[in-house]
Amino acid sequence: MATPGKEEVEARGCFSQGVRAVLGNWPVLQIAVENGFGGAYSQEKAEWMVGAVEQYFQSNADLEPEEVDDFLAEVMNNEFDTVIEDGSLSQVSQQLCLFFSQCQQGNGAAVQEAIARLVQKQQEARTVAAKAVAAEESSSEEEQEAEEETMECSTNGAQHSPPPPSGPDSEDGWTLVRKKKK
């Protein structure tokens, strides 16, 4: 077997970065990993998936996005017990096919630009998520403080006993509930 040339190695490296960026920004895969849909080794399965996608493209010539759709759907179903119905599968497949063809044609600069945009989107999403978590935590702290204040107010005043039960059958602690007449 001949050793791969410098251009082929660069194309593979470029495509590997592209696959990692696309799958790393795919919300379906990220949710599956974060929630452990793949079991205890979800993160390792996601990393394995990057290599499996690369190998799939290297082993098959002229892949169509529909074929990549099928492959990704099968991997997600088998490894993460996840069926994808949000339409993102075709977007991911098209992006991967585009990256592969650009890398094979030696247009790594375009792929690197697209990867940079994907990484920027990912960082923006993390920033928004972090702000949302921080806001949620601060609002729950405010709620706890408000509850404590309410409790303090109610304990500072005179002790109120519950009103005595009234109505029929109140001697035994039960209250009869009657239907309204029409």
N, C-alpha and C. Protein backbone atom coordinates (compact mmCIF):
# COMPACT_ATOMS: atom_id res chain seq x y z
N MET A 1 0.84 -1.17 0.00
CA MET A 1 0.00 0.00 0.00
C MET A 1 0.89 1.23 0.00
N ALA A 2 0.57 2.18 -0.83
CA ALA A 2 1.37 3.39 -0.94
C ALA A 2 1.06 4.33 0.21
N THR A 3 2.09 5.05 0.61
CA THR A 3 1.87 6.01 1.69
C THR A 3 1.16 7.22 1.11
N PRO A 4 0.24 7.79 1.88
CA PRO A 4 -0.49 8.95 1.36
C PRO A 4 0.42 10.16 1.23
N GLY A 5 0.15 10.96 0.19
CA GLY A 5 0.94 12.15 -0.05
C GLY A 5 0.57 13.25 0.92
N LYS A 6 1.36 14.31 0.86
CA LYS A 6 1.16 15.44 1.78
C LYS A 6 -0.23 16.05 1.59
N GLU A 7 -0.67 16.19 0.34
CA GLU A 7 -1.98 16.79 0.07
C GLU A 7 -3.11 15.94 0.64
N GLU A 8 -2.96 14.61 0.52
CA GLU A 8 -4.00 13.72 1.03
C GLU A 8 -4.05 13.77 2.56
N VAL A 9 -2.91 13.86 3.19
CA VAL A 9 -2.87 13.96 4.65
C VAL A 9 -3.50 15.28 5.09
N GLU A 10 -3.20 16.38 4.39
CA GLU A 10 -3.80 17.66 4.71
C GLU A 10 -5.31 17.63 4.52
N ALA A 11 -5.76 16.98 3.44
CA ALA A 11 -7.20 16.87 3.18
C ALA A 11 -7.89 16.08 4.29
N ARG A 12 -7.27 14.99 4.72
CA ARG A 12 -7.86 14.18 5.80
C ARG A 12 -7.90 14.98 7.11
N GLY A 13 -6.82 15.69 7.40
CA GLY A 13 -6.78 16.50 8.62
C GLY A 13 -7.82 17.61 8.60
N CYS A 14 -7.95 18.23 7.45
CA CYS A 14 -8.94 19.29 7.27
C CYS A 14 -10.35 18.72 7.45
N PHE A 15 -10.62 17.58 6.82
CA PHE A 15 -11.94 16.96 6.93
C PHE A 15 -12.20 16.51 8.36
N SER A 16 -11.20 16.00 9.02
CA SER A 16 -11.35 15.57 10.41
C SER A 16 -11.78 16.74 11.30
N GLN A 17 -11.16 17.88 11.11
CA GLN A 17 -11.54 19.08 11.87
C GLN A 17 -12.97 19.49 11.54
N GLY A 18 -13.32 19.38 10.26
CA GLY A 18 -14.68 19.73 9.83
C GLY A 18 -15.72 18.82 10.46
N VAL A 19 -15.45 17.52 10.47
CA VAL A 19 -16.39 16.56 11.07
C VAL A 19 -16.55 16.85 12.55
N ARG A 20 -15.43 17.07 13.22
CA ARG A 20 -15.46 17.36 14.65
C ARG A 20 -16.28 18.63 14.93
N ALA A 21 -16.11 19.67 14.10
CA ALA A 21 -16.84 20.92 14.29
C ALA A 21 -18.33 20.74 14.02
N VAL A 22 -18.67 20.03 12.95
CA VAL A 22 -20.09 19.85 12.60
C VAL A 22 -20.79 19.02 13.67
N LEU A 23 -20.20 17.89 14.05
CA LEU A 23 -20.83 17.04 15.06
C LEU A 23 -20.83 17.73 16.42
N GLY A 24 -19.80 18.51 16.70
CA GLY A 24 -19.74 19.23 17.97
C GLY A 24 -20.80 20.31 18.10
N ASN A 25 -21.29 20.80 16.97
CA ASN A 25 -22.33 21.83 16.97
C ASN A 25 -23.71 21.27 16.68
N TRP A 26 -23.83 19.98 16.55
CA TRP A 26 -25.11 19.36 16.24
C TRP A 26 -25.89 19.20 17.55
N PRO A 27 -26.95 19.97 17.75
CA PRO A 27 -27.69 19.92 19.02
C PRO A 27 -28.20 18.53 19.39
N VAL A 28 -28.63 17.76 18.42
CA VAL A 28 -29.16 16.42 18.72
C VAL A 28 -28.09 15.56 19.39
N LEU A 29 -26.89 15.57 18.84
CA LEU A 29 -25.81 14.77 19.41
C LEU A 29 -25.41 15.31 20.78
N GLN A 30 -25.35 16.62 20.91
CA GLN A 30 -24.96 17.21 22.20
C GLN A 30 -25.97 16.89 23.29
N ILE A 31 -27.25 16.93 22.96
CA ILE A 31 -28.29 16.59 23.94
C ILE A 31 -28.18 15.11 24.32
N ALA A 32 -27.94 14.27 23.32
CA ALA A 32 -27.81 12.83 23.58
C ALA A 32 -26.62 12.56 24.52
N VAL A 33 -25.53 13.26 24.31
CA VAL A 33 -24.34 13.07 25.15
C VAL A 33 -24.59 13.62 26.56
N GLU A 34 -25.12 14.85 26.63
CA GLU A 34 -25.33 15.49 27.93
C GLU A 34 -26.30 14.70 28.81
N ASN A 35 -27.27 14.06 28.19
CA ASN A 35 -28.28 13.33 28.95
C ASN A 35 -27.99 11.84 29.04
N GLY A 36 -26.84 11.42 28.56
CA GLY A 36 -26.43 10.03 28.70
C GLY A 36 -27.25 9.03 27.92
N PHE A 37 -27.77 9.43 26.75
CA PHE A 37 -28.58 8.51 25.95
C PHE A 37 -27.76 7.32 25.49
N GLY A 38 -26.45 7.49 25.43
CA GLY A 38 -25.58 6.41 25.00
C GLY A 38 -25.02 5.61 26.17
N GLY A 39 -25.56 5.83 27.34
CA GLY A 39 -25.07 5.12 28.52
C GLY A 39 -23.91 5.86 29.16
N ALA A 40 -23.17 5.14 29.96
CA ALA A 40 -22.08 5.74 30.72
C ALA A 40 -20.96 6.26 29.81
N TYR A 41 -20.87 5.72 28.62
CA TYR A 41 -19.78 6.10 27.71
C TYR A 41 -20.27 6.97 26.57
N SER A 42 -21.24 7.84 26.82
CA SER A 42 -21.81 8.69 25.76
C SER A 42 -20.76 9.59 25.13
N GLN A 43 -19.90 10.21 25.94
CA GLN A 43 -18.88 11.11 25.41
C GLN A 43 -17.90 10.34 24.52
N GLU A 44 -17.51 9.16 24.95
CA GLU A 44 -16.59 8.34 24.15
C GLU A 44 -17.24 7.93 22.84
N LYS A 45 -18.54 7.64 22.88
CA LYS A 45 -19.26 7.27 21.65
C LYS A 45 -19.30 8.44 20.68
N ALA A 46 -19.49 9.64 21.20
CA ALA A 46 -19.51 10.82 20.34
C ALA A 46 -18.14 11.03 19.69
N GLU A 47 -17.08 10.82 20.44
CA GLU A 47 -15.73 10.94 19.88
C GLU A 47 -15.47 9.84 18.86
N TRP A 48 -15.94 8.63 19.15
CA TRP A 48 -15.80 7.53 18.20
C TRP A 48 -16.55 7.84 16.92
N MET A 49 -17.70 8.50 17.06
CA MET A 49 -18.54 8.82 15.91
C MET A 49 -17.81 9.71 14.90
N VAL A 50 -16.96 10.60 15.39
CA VAL A 50 -16.17 11.46 14.50
C VAL A 50 -15.30 10.58 13.60
N GLY A 51 -14.59 9.64 14.19
CA GLY A 51 -13.74 8.73 13.41
C GLY A 51 -14.55 7.84 12.49
N ALA A 52 -15.72 7.40 12.95
CA ALA A 52 -16.56 6.54 12.12
C ALA A 52 -17.07 7.29 10.89
N VAL A 53 -17.42 8.55 11.05
CA VAL A 53 -17.88 9.36 9.91
C VAL A 53 -16.73 9.58 8.93
N GLU A 54 -15.55 9.89 9.46
CA GLU A 54 -14.38 10.06 8.59
C GLU A 54 -14.12 8.78 7.78
N GLN A 55 -14.14 7.65 8.46
CA GLN A 55 -13.89 6.37 7.81
C GLN A 55 -14.95 6.08 6.76
N TYR A 56 -16.19 6.42 7.06
CA TYR A 56 -17.29 6.20 6.12
C TYR A 56 -17.05 6.97 4.83
N PHE A 57 -16.63 8.23 4.96
CA PHE A 57 -16.35 9.04 3.77
C PHE A 57 -15.12 8.52 3.02
N GLN A 58 -14.09 8.08 3.74
CA GLN A 58 -12.88 7.59 3.10
C GLN A 58 -13.13 6.27 2.36
N SER A 59 -14.03 5.46 2.91
CA SER A 59 -14.28 4.13 2.35
C SER A 59 -15.27 4.13 1.20
N ASN A 60 -16.05 5.16 1.05
CA ASN A 60 -17.11 5.20 0.04
C ASN A 60 -16.90 6.40 -0.87
N ALA A 61 -16.90 6.13 -2.16
CA ALA A 61 -16.68 7.20 -3.14
C ALA A 61 -18.01 7.86 -3.50
N ASP A 62 -17.95 9.14 -3.75
CA ASP A 62 -19.10 9.92 -4.22
C ASP A 62 -20.37 9.71 -3.40
N LEU A 63 -20.27 9.95 -2.12
CA LEU A 63 -21.43 9.81 -1.25
C LEU A 63 -22.42 10.93 -1.50
N GLU A 64 -23.69 10.58 -1.48
CA GLU A 64 -24.76 11.56 -1.56
C GLU A 64 -25.23 11.90 -0.15
N PRO A 65 -25.75 13.09 0.05
CA PRO A 65 -26.23 13.45 1.40
C PRO A 65 -27.25 12.47 1.98
N GLU A 66 -28.07 11.87 1.13
CA GLU A 66 -29.07 10.91 1.62
C GLU A 66 -28.40 9.67 2.21
N GLU A 67 -27.28 9.25 1.60
CA GLU A 67 -26.56 8.10 2.14
C GLU A 67 -25.93 8.44 3.50
N VAL A 68 -25.43 9.65 3.61
CA VAL A 68 -24.85 10.09 4.88
C VAL A 68 -25.97 10.21 5.92
N ASP A 69 -27.15 10.71 5.49
CA ASP A 69 -28.33 10.75 6.37
C ASP A 69 -28.58 9.38 6.98
N ASP A 70 -28.65 8.40 6.11
CA ASP A 70 -28.95 7.04 6.56
C ASP A 70 -27.89 6.53 7.54
N PHE A 71 -26.63 6.78 7.21
CA PHE A 71 -25.54 6.34 8.08
C PHE A 71 -25.62 7.00 9.46
N LEU A 72 -25.79 8.32 9.47
CA LEU A 72 -25.86 9.05 10.75
C LEU A 72 -27.09 8.62 11.56
N ALA A 73 -28.21 8.44 10.87
CA ALA A 73 -29.44 8.01 11.56
C ALA A 73 -29.24 6.64 12.20
N GLU A 74 -28.58 5.75 11.48
CA GLU A 74 -28.32 4.40 12.01
C GLU A 74 -27.38 4.46 13.22
N VAL A 75 -26.33 5.26 13.12
CA VAL A 75 -25.38 5.37 14.24
C VAL A 75 -26.09 5.97 15.46
N MET A 76 -26.85 7.03 15.26
CA MET A 76 -27.55 7.67 16.39
C MET A 76 -28.56 6.72 17.02
N ASN A 77 -29.23 5.93 16.20
CA ASN A 77 -30.21 4.98 16.73
C ASN A 77 -29.51 3.84 17.47
N ASN A 78 -28.46 3.30 16.89
CA ASN A 78 -27.77 2.16 17.51
C ASN A 78 -26.98 2.55 18.75
N GLU A 79 -26.31 3.68 18.71
CA GLU A 79 -25.40 4.06 19.80
C GLU A 79 -26.06 4.90 20.88
N PHE A 80 -27.07 5.72 20.49
CA PHE A 80 -27.67 6.65 21.45
C PHE A 80 -29.18 6.43 21.62
N ASP A 81 -29.71 5.39 21.00
CA ASP A 81 -31.15 5.12 21.06
C ASP A 81 -31.95 6.38 20.75
N THR A 82 -31.54 7.09 19.71
CA THR A 82 -32.15 8.36 19.36
C THR A 82 -32.60 8.33 17.91
N VAL A 83 -33.88 8.65 17.70
CA VAL A 83 -34.43 8.79 16.36
C VAL A 83 -34.55 10.28 16.09
N ILE A 84 -33.99 10.74 15.00
CA ILE A 84 -33.91 12.17 14.71
C ILE A 84 -35.02 12.55 13.75
N GLU A 85 -35.88 13.46 14.22
CA GLU A 85 -37.02 13.88 13.40
C GLU A 85 -37.12 15.39 13.31
N ASP A 86 -36.06 16.11 13.65
CA ASP A 86 -36.13 17.57 13.67
C ASP A 86 -35.63 18.22 12.38
N GLY A 87 -35.23 17.43 11.40
CA GLY A 87 -34.75 17.98 10.14
C GLY A 87 -33.27 18.32 10.13
N SER A 88 -32.62 18.20 11.26
CA SER A 88 -31.20 18.58 11.34
C SER A 88 -30.30 17.55 10.66
N LEU A 89 -30.77 16.34 10.52
CA LEU A 89 -29.96 15.27 9.93
C LEU A 89 -29.53 15.63 8.51
N SER A 90 -30.46 16.15 7.71
CA SER A 90 -30.11 16.50 6.33
C SER A 90 -29.14 17.69 6.29
N GLN A 91 -29.30 18.63 7.22
CA GLN A 91 -28.38 19.77 7.27
C GLN A 91 -26.96 19.31 7.60
N VAL A 92 -26.86 18.44 8.60
CA VAL A 92 -25.54 17.92 9.00
C VAL A 92 -24.92 17.13 7.84
N SER A 93 -25.71 16.30 7.20
CA SER A 93 -25.20 15.49 6.08
C SER A 93 -24.71 16.36 4.93
N GLN A 94 -25.47 17.38 4.59
CA GLN A 94 -25.07 18.28 3.51
C GLN A 94 -23.78 19.01 3.86
N GLN A 95 -23.67 19.44 5.11
CA GLN A 95 -22.47 20.15 5.56
C GLN A 95 -21.25 19.23 5.48
N LEU A 96 -21.42 17.97 5.92
CA LEU A 96 -20.31 17.02 5.87
C LEU A 96 -19.90 16.73 4.43
N CYS A 97 -20.87 16.55 3.53
CA CYS A 97 -20.55 16.30 2.12
C CYS A 97 -19.83 17.49 1.50
N LEU A 98 -20.27 18.69 1.85
CA LEU A 98 -19.63 19.90 1.34
C LEU A 98 -18.18 19.99 1.83
N PHE A 99 -17.98 19.76 3.12
CA PHE A 99 -16.62 19.79 3.68
C PHE A 99 -15.73 18.75 3.00
N PHE A 100 -16.26 17.54 2.82
CA PHE A 100 -15.45 16.49 2.21
C PHE A 100 -15.03 16.87 0.80
N SER A 101 -15.97 17.36 0.00
CA SER A 101 -15.62 17.71 -1.38
C SER A 101 -14.64 18.89 -1.41
N GLN A 102 -14.83 19.86 -0.51
CA GLN A 102 -13.91 20.99 -0.49
C GLN A 102 -12.50 20.55 -0.07
N CYS A 103 -12.43 19.65 0.90
CA CYS A 103 -11.11 19.16 1.34
C CYS A 103 -10.44 18.36 0.24
N GLN A 104 -11.21 17.55 -0.48
CA GLN A 104 -10.64 16.75 -1.56
C GLN A 104 -10.15 17.61 -2.71
N GLN A 105 -10.79 18.75 -2.91
CA GLN A 105 -10.39 19.66 -3.99
C GLN A 105 -9.26 20.60 -3.56
N GLY A 106 -8.83 20.46 -2.31
CA GLY A 106 -7.73 21.29 -1.82
C GLY A 106 -8.17 22.67 -1.37
N ASN A 107 -9.48 22.84 -1.14
CA ASN A 107 -10.00 24.13 -0.71
C ASN A 107 -10.18 24.15 0.80
N GLY A 108 -9.10 23.88 1.50
CA GLY A 108 -9.14 23.82 2.95
C GLY A 108 -9.42 25.17 3.60
N ALA A 109 -9.10 26.25 2.91
CA ALA A 109 -9.32 27.59 3.49
C ALA A 109 -10.81 27.84 3.70
N ALA A 110 -11.63 27.44 2.74
CA ALA A 110 -13.08 27.61 2.87
C ALA A 110 -13.62 26.78 4.03
N VAL A 111 -13.08 25.58 4.18
CA VAL A 111 -13.50 24.71 5.28
C VAL A 111 -13.07 25.32 6.62
N GLN A 112 -11.86 25.85 6.68
CA GLN A 112 -11.38 26.47 7.91
C GLN A 112 -12.24 27.68 8.30
N GLU A 113 -12.67 28.45 7.30
CA GLU A 113 -13.55 29.60 7.57
C GLU A 113 -14.89 29.12 8.14
N ALA A 114 -15.44 28.08 7.53
CA ALA A 114 -16.72 27.53 7.99
C ALA A 114 -16.58 26.96 9.41
N ILE A 115 -15.44 26.30 9.67
CA ILE A 115 -15.19 25.75 11.02
C ILE A 115 -15.12 26.90 12.03
N ALA A 116 -14.45 27.99 11.65
CA ALA A 116 -14.34 29.14 12.55
C ALA A 116 -15.72 29.71 12.87
N ARG A 117 -16.62 29.76 11.86
CA ARG A 117 -17.99 30.24 12.10
C ARG A 117 -18.73 29.29 13.03
N LEU A 118 -18.55 27.99 12.83
CA LEU A 118 -19.22 27.01 13.69
C LEU A 118 -18.73 27.12 15.13
N VAL A 119 -17.43 27.29 15.30
CA VAL A 119 -16.86 27.42 16.65
C VAL A 119 -17.39 28.70 17.31
N GLN A 120 -17.47 29.77 16.53
CA GLN A 120 -18.00 31.03 17.08
C GLN A 120 -19.45 30.85 17.51
N LYS A 121 -20.27 30.18 16.69
CA LYS A 121 -21.67 29.92 17.06
C LYS A 121 -21.74 29.11 18.35
N GLN A 122 -20.87 28.11 18.45
CA GLN A 122 -20.86 27.25 19.62
C GLN A 122 -20.51 28.06 20.88
N GLN A 123 -19.53 28.94 20.78
CA GLN A 123 -19.15 29.77 21.92
C GLN A 123 -20.27 30.74 22.29
N GLU A 124 -20.95 31.31 21.29
CA GLU A 124 -22.07 32.20 21.57
C GLU A 124 -23.20 31.45 22.26
N ALA A 125 -23.46 30.24 21.80
CA ALA A 125 -24.52 29.44 22.42
C ALA A 125 -24.17 29.11 23.87
N ARG A 126 -22.91 28.79 24.13
CA ARG A 126 -22.49 28.49 25.50
C ARG A 126 -22.62 29.72 26.39
N THR A 127 -22.28 30.90 25.84
CA THR A 127 -22.39 32.14 26.61
C THR A 127 -23.84 32.41 26.96
N VAL A 128 -24.73 32.26 25.99
CA VAL A 128 -26.16 32.47 26.24
C VAL A 128 -26.66 31.47 27.27
N ALA A 129 -26.26 30.22 27.14
CA ALA A 129 -26.69 29.19 28.09
C ALA A 129 -26.16 29.50 29.49
N ALA A 130 -24.92 29.95 29.58
CA ALA A 130 -24.35 30.28 30.89
C ALA A 130 -25.08 31.45 31.52
N LYS A 131 -25.45 32.45 30.71
CA LYS A 131 -26.20 33.59 31.24
C LYS A 131 -27.58 33.14 31.70
N ALA A 132 -28.21 32.25 30.96
CA ALA A 132 -29.53 31.76 31.33
C ALA A 132 -29.47 30.99 32.65
N VAL A 133 -28.44 30.18 32.82
CA VAL A 133 -28.27 29.42 34.07
C VAL A 133 -28.02 30.37 35.22
N ALA A 134 -27.18 31.38 34.99
CA ALA A 134 -26.88 32.35 36.05
C ALA A 134 -28.15 33.13 36.43
N ALA A 135 -28.94 33.53 35.44
CA ALA A 135 -30.18 34.25 35.72
C ALA A 135 -31.16 33.37 36.47
N GLU A 136 -31.22 32.10 36.09
CA GLU A 136 -32.11 31.15 36.77
C GLU A 136 -31.69 30.97 38.22
N GLU A 137 -30.39 30.86 38.45
CA GLU A 137 -29.89 30.70 39.82
C GLU A 137 -30.18 31.94 40.65
N SER A 138 -29.98 33.13 40.09
CA SER A 138 -30.22 34.35 40.85
C SER A 138 -31.71 34.53 41.13
N SER A 139 -32.57 34.15 40.19
CA SER A 139 -34.00 34.28 40.44
C SER A 139 -34.46 33.29 41.50
N SER A 140 -33.87 32.11 41.53
CA SER A 140 -34.25 31.16 42.57
C SER A 140 -33.75 31.61 43.93
N GLU A 141 -32.58 32.30 43.97
CA GLU A 141 -32.09 32.86 45.23
C GLU A 141 -33.03 33.96 45.71
N GLU A 142 -33.51 34.80 44.77
CA GLU A 142 -34.45 35.86 45.13
C GLU A 142 -35.75 35.28 45.67
N GLU A 143 -36.21 34.19 45.04
CA GLU A 143 -37.44 33.54 45.52
C GLU A 143 -37.24 33.00 46.92
N GLN A 144 -36.08 32.40 47.20
CA GLN A 144 -35.81 31.88 48.53
C GLN A 144 -35.78 33.01 49.55
N GLU A 145 -35.15 34.15 49.19
CA GLU A 145 -35.11 35.28 50.10
C GLU A 145 -36.51 35.81 50.36
N ALA A 146 -37.34 35.88 49.32
CA ALA A 146 -38.71 36.36 49.48
C ALA A 146 -39.50 35.41 50.39
N GLU A 147 -39.30 34.11 50.24
CA GLU A 147 -39.97 33.12 51.09
C GLU A 147 -39.54 33.31 52.54
N GLU A 148 -38.24 33.51 52.75
CA GLU A 148 -37.73 33.69 54.11
C GLU A 148 -38.32 34.94 54.73
N GLU A 149 -38.42 36.03 53.94
CA GLU A 149 -39.02 37.26 54.45
C GLU A 149 -40.48 37.04 54.81
N THR A 150 -41.19 36.32 53.95
CA THR A 150 -42.59 36.03 54.20
C THR A 150 -42.72 35.22 55.47
N MET A 151 -41.87 34.26 55.65
CA MET A 151 -41.90 33.43 56.85
C MET A 151 -41.62 34.27 58.08
N GLU A 152 -40.64 35.16 57.97
CA GLU A 152 -40.30 36.00 59.10
C GLU A 152 -41.46 36.90 59.47
N CYS A 153 -42.14 37.44 58.49
CA CYS A 153 -43.28 38.32 58.75
C CYS A 153 -44.39 37.56 59.45
N SER A 154 -44.66 36.37 59.00
CA SER A 154 -45.77 35.61 59.59
C SER A 154 -45.44 35.13 60.99
N THR A 155 -44.18 34.92 61.32
CA THR A 155 -43.84 34.45 62.66
C THR A 155 -43.68 35.59 63.64
N ASN A 156 -43.46 36.81 63.12
CA ASN A 156 -43.30 37.95 64.01
C ASN A 156 -44.61 38.39 64.63
N GLY A 157 -45.72 38.27 63.95
CA GLY A 157 -47.02 38.72 64.44
C GLY A 157 -47.59 37.74 65.44
N ALA A 158 -48.81 38.03 65.84
CA ALA A 158 -49.50 37.15 66.80
C ALA A 158 -49.76 35.80 66.16
N GLN A 159 -49.74 34.80 66.98
CA GLN A 159 -49.99 33.46 66.49
C GLN A 159 -51.47 33.31 66.17
N HIS A 160 -51.73 32.92 64.95
CA HIS A 160 -53.12 32.72 64.52
C HIS A 160 -53.40 31.24 64.48
N SER A 161 -54.51 30.86 65.10
CA SER A 161 -54.91 29.46 65.02
C SER A 161 -55.86 29.33 63.84
N PRO A 162 -55.94 28.15 63.26
CA PRO A 162 -56.83 27.98 62.11
C PRO A 162 -58.27 28.20 62.55
N PRO A 163 -59.11 28.70 61.64
CA PRO A 163 -60.49 28.95 62.00
C PRO A 163 -61.19 27.65 62.37
N PRO A 164 -62.10 27.71 63.31
CA PRO A 164 -62.80 26.50 63.70
C PRO A 164 -63.66 25.99 62.56
N PRO A 165 -63.71 24.67 62.40
CA PRO A 165 -64.53 24.13 61.33
C PRO A 165 -66.00 24.45 61.59
N SER A 166 -66.69 24.73 60.52
CA SER A 166 -68.10 25.02 60.66
C SER A 166 -68.89 24.16 59.69
N GLY A 167 -70.17 24.10 59.89
CA GLY A 167 -71.02 23.33 59.00
C GLY A 167 -71.37 22.00 59.60
N PRO A 168 -72.18 21.24 58.89
CA PRO A 168 -72.62 19.94 59.39
C PRO A 168 -71.47 18.96 59.49
N ASP A 169 -71.56 18.06 60.40
CA ASP A 169 -70.60 16.98 60.61
C ASP A 169 -69.23 17.49 61.04
N SER A 170 -69.13 18.69 61.59
CA SER A 170 -67.82 19.21 61.97
C SER A 170 -67.31 18.60 63.27
N GLU A 171 -68.19 17.92 64.02
CA GLU A 171 -67.75 17.33 65.27
C GLU A 171 -66.72 16.23 65.06
N ASP A 172 -66.89 15.43 64.00
CA ASP A 172 -65.96 14.32 63.78
C ASP A 172 -64.80 14.70 62.86
N GLY A 173 -64.71 15.96 62.47
CA GLY A 173 -63.59 16.41 61.64
C GLY A 173 -63.83 16.27 60.15
N TRP A 174 -64.97 15.79 59.76
CA TRP A 174 -65.27 15.63 58.36
C TRP A 174 -66.26 16.70 57.94
N THR A 175 -66.12 17.15 56.70
CA THR A 175 -67.05 18.12 56.14
C THR A 175 -67.74 17.48 54.95
N LEU A 176 -69.02 17.63 54.91
CA LEU A 176 -69.82 17.05 53.83
C LEU A 176 -69.82 18.02 52.66
N VAL A 177 -69.43 17.55 51.50
CA VAL A 177 -69.44 18.35 50.31
C VAL A 177 -70.64 17.92 49.48
N ARG A 178 -71.48 18.86 49.15
CA ARG A 178 -72.71 18.56 48.40
C ARG A 178 -72.59 19.10 46.98
N LYS A 179 -73.28 18.42 46.06
CA LYS A 179 -73.35 18.85 44.68
C LYS A 179 -74.24 20.07 44.57
N LYS A 180 -73.85 20.95 43.67
CA LYS A 180 -74.71 22.11 43.42
C LYS A 180 -75.92 21.65 42.63
N LYS A 181 -77.04 22.26 42.91
CA LYS A 181 -78.26 21.94 42.17
C LYS A 181 -78.27 22.73 40.89
N LYS A 182 -78.77 22.11 39.84
CA LYS A 182 -78.81 22.78 38.54
C LYS A 182 -80.04 23.60 38.36
